[in-house]
Amino acid sequence: MAYTSATIKELIKLGGNLTVTGKFSSAHLKDFVNLAKNQNVQITLKINGTSSATLKELVKIGHSKLVLEL
């Protein structure tokens, strides 16, 4: 089942440690990571086809709260 970006953001705000798969824009991915960092929860992104520049930005935002599965 696919979830909307709004649902994922709500789950992060509730404190959920999430693994996110699916096609989301780089802006949505950055929002998810930033929100997870601010909520002090772990987020794992299983993403393919994302540019190296976006991956670097995500790591800079998320630091230790981000796991990337490439």
Protein backbone atom coordinates (compact mmCIF):
# COMPACT_ATOMS: atom_id res chain seq x y z
CA MET A 1 0.00 0.00 0.00
CA ALA A 2 1.33 3.42 -0.90
CA TYR A 3 1.10 6.25 1.61
CA THR A 4 1.01 9.95 0.92
CA SER A 5 3.74 12.29 2.05
CA ALA A 6 1.24 13.88 4.47
CA THR A 7 0.64 10.51 6.16
CA ILE A 8 4.36 9.85 6.48
CA LYS A 9 4.89 13.29 8.03
CA GLU A 10 2.09 12.63 10.54
CA LEU A 11 3.66 9.31 11.53
CA ILE A 12 7.04 10.94 12.04
CA LYS A 13 5.43 13.65 14.20
CA LEU A 14 3.90 10.90 16.34
CA GLY A 15 7.41 9.58 16.98
CA GLY A 16 7.47 6.63 14.63
CA ASN A 17 10.79 5.19 13.50
CA LEU A 18 10.02 4.62 9.84
CA THR A 19 11.40 2.88 6.80
CA VAL A 20 10.21 4.73 3.73
CA THR A 21 10.14 3.16 0.28
CA GLY A 22 8.55 4.43 -2.86
CA LYS A 23 8.81 7.32 -5.24
CA PHE A 24 8.93 10.68 -3.51
CA SER A 25 10.41 13.92 -4.76
CA SER A 26 13.73 15.06 -3.35
CA ALA A 27 11.85 17.90 -1.61
CA HIS A 28 9.61 15.39 0.18
CA LEU A 29 12.58 13.24 1.15
CA LYS A 30 14.34 16.27 2.62
CA ASP A 31 11.18 17.19 4.53
CA PHE A 32 10.93 13.66 5.97
CA VAL A 33 14.57 13.65 7.07
CA ASN A 34 14.42 17.14 8.55
CA LEU A 35 11.25 16.31 10.46
CA ALA A 36 12.70 13.03 11.76
CA LYS A 37 15.80 14.83 12.97
CA ASN A 38 13.71 17.49 14.71
CA GLN A 39 11.52 14.80 16.32
CA ASN A 40 14.63 12.82 17.32
CA VAL A 41 13.47 9.65 15.55
CA GLN A 42 15.22 7.32 13.13
CA ILE A 43 14.26 7.27 9.46
CA THR A 44 15.42 4.80 6.84
CA LEU A 45 15.03 5.65 3.18
CA LYS A 46 15.11 2.83 0.63
CA ILE A 47 15.63 4.82 -2.52
CA ASN A 48 16.98 4.19 -6.00
CA GLY A 49 17.69 6.61 -8.79
CA THR A 50 18.34 9.59 -6.55
CA SER A 51 21.17 11.89 -7.55
CA SER A 52 24.38 11.90 -5.55
CA ALA A 53 23.84 15.60 -4.80
CA THR A 54 20.47 14.84 -3.19
CA LEU A 55 21.95 11.93 -1.23
CA LYS A 56 24.66 14.22 0.14
CA GLU A 57 22.07 16.82 1.13
CA LEU A 58 20.00 14.17 2.92
CA VAL A 59 23.03 13.01 4.91
CA LYS A 60 23.90 16.60 5.83
CA ILE A 61 20.36 17.12 7.10
CA GLY A 62 19.83 13.79 8.86
CA HIS A 63 23.25 12.90 10.26
CA SER A 64 22.83 9.99 12.68
CA LYS A 65 19.02 9.91 12.36
CA LEU A 66 19.19 8.80 8.73
CA VAL A 67 19.88 5.39 7.23
CA LEU A 68 20.09 5.13 3.45
CA GLU A 69 19.53 1.81 1.72
CA LEU A 70 20.77 2.12 -1.83
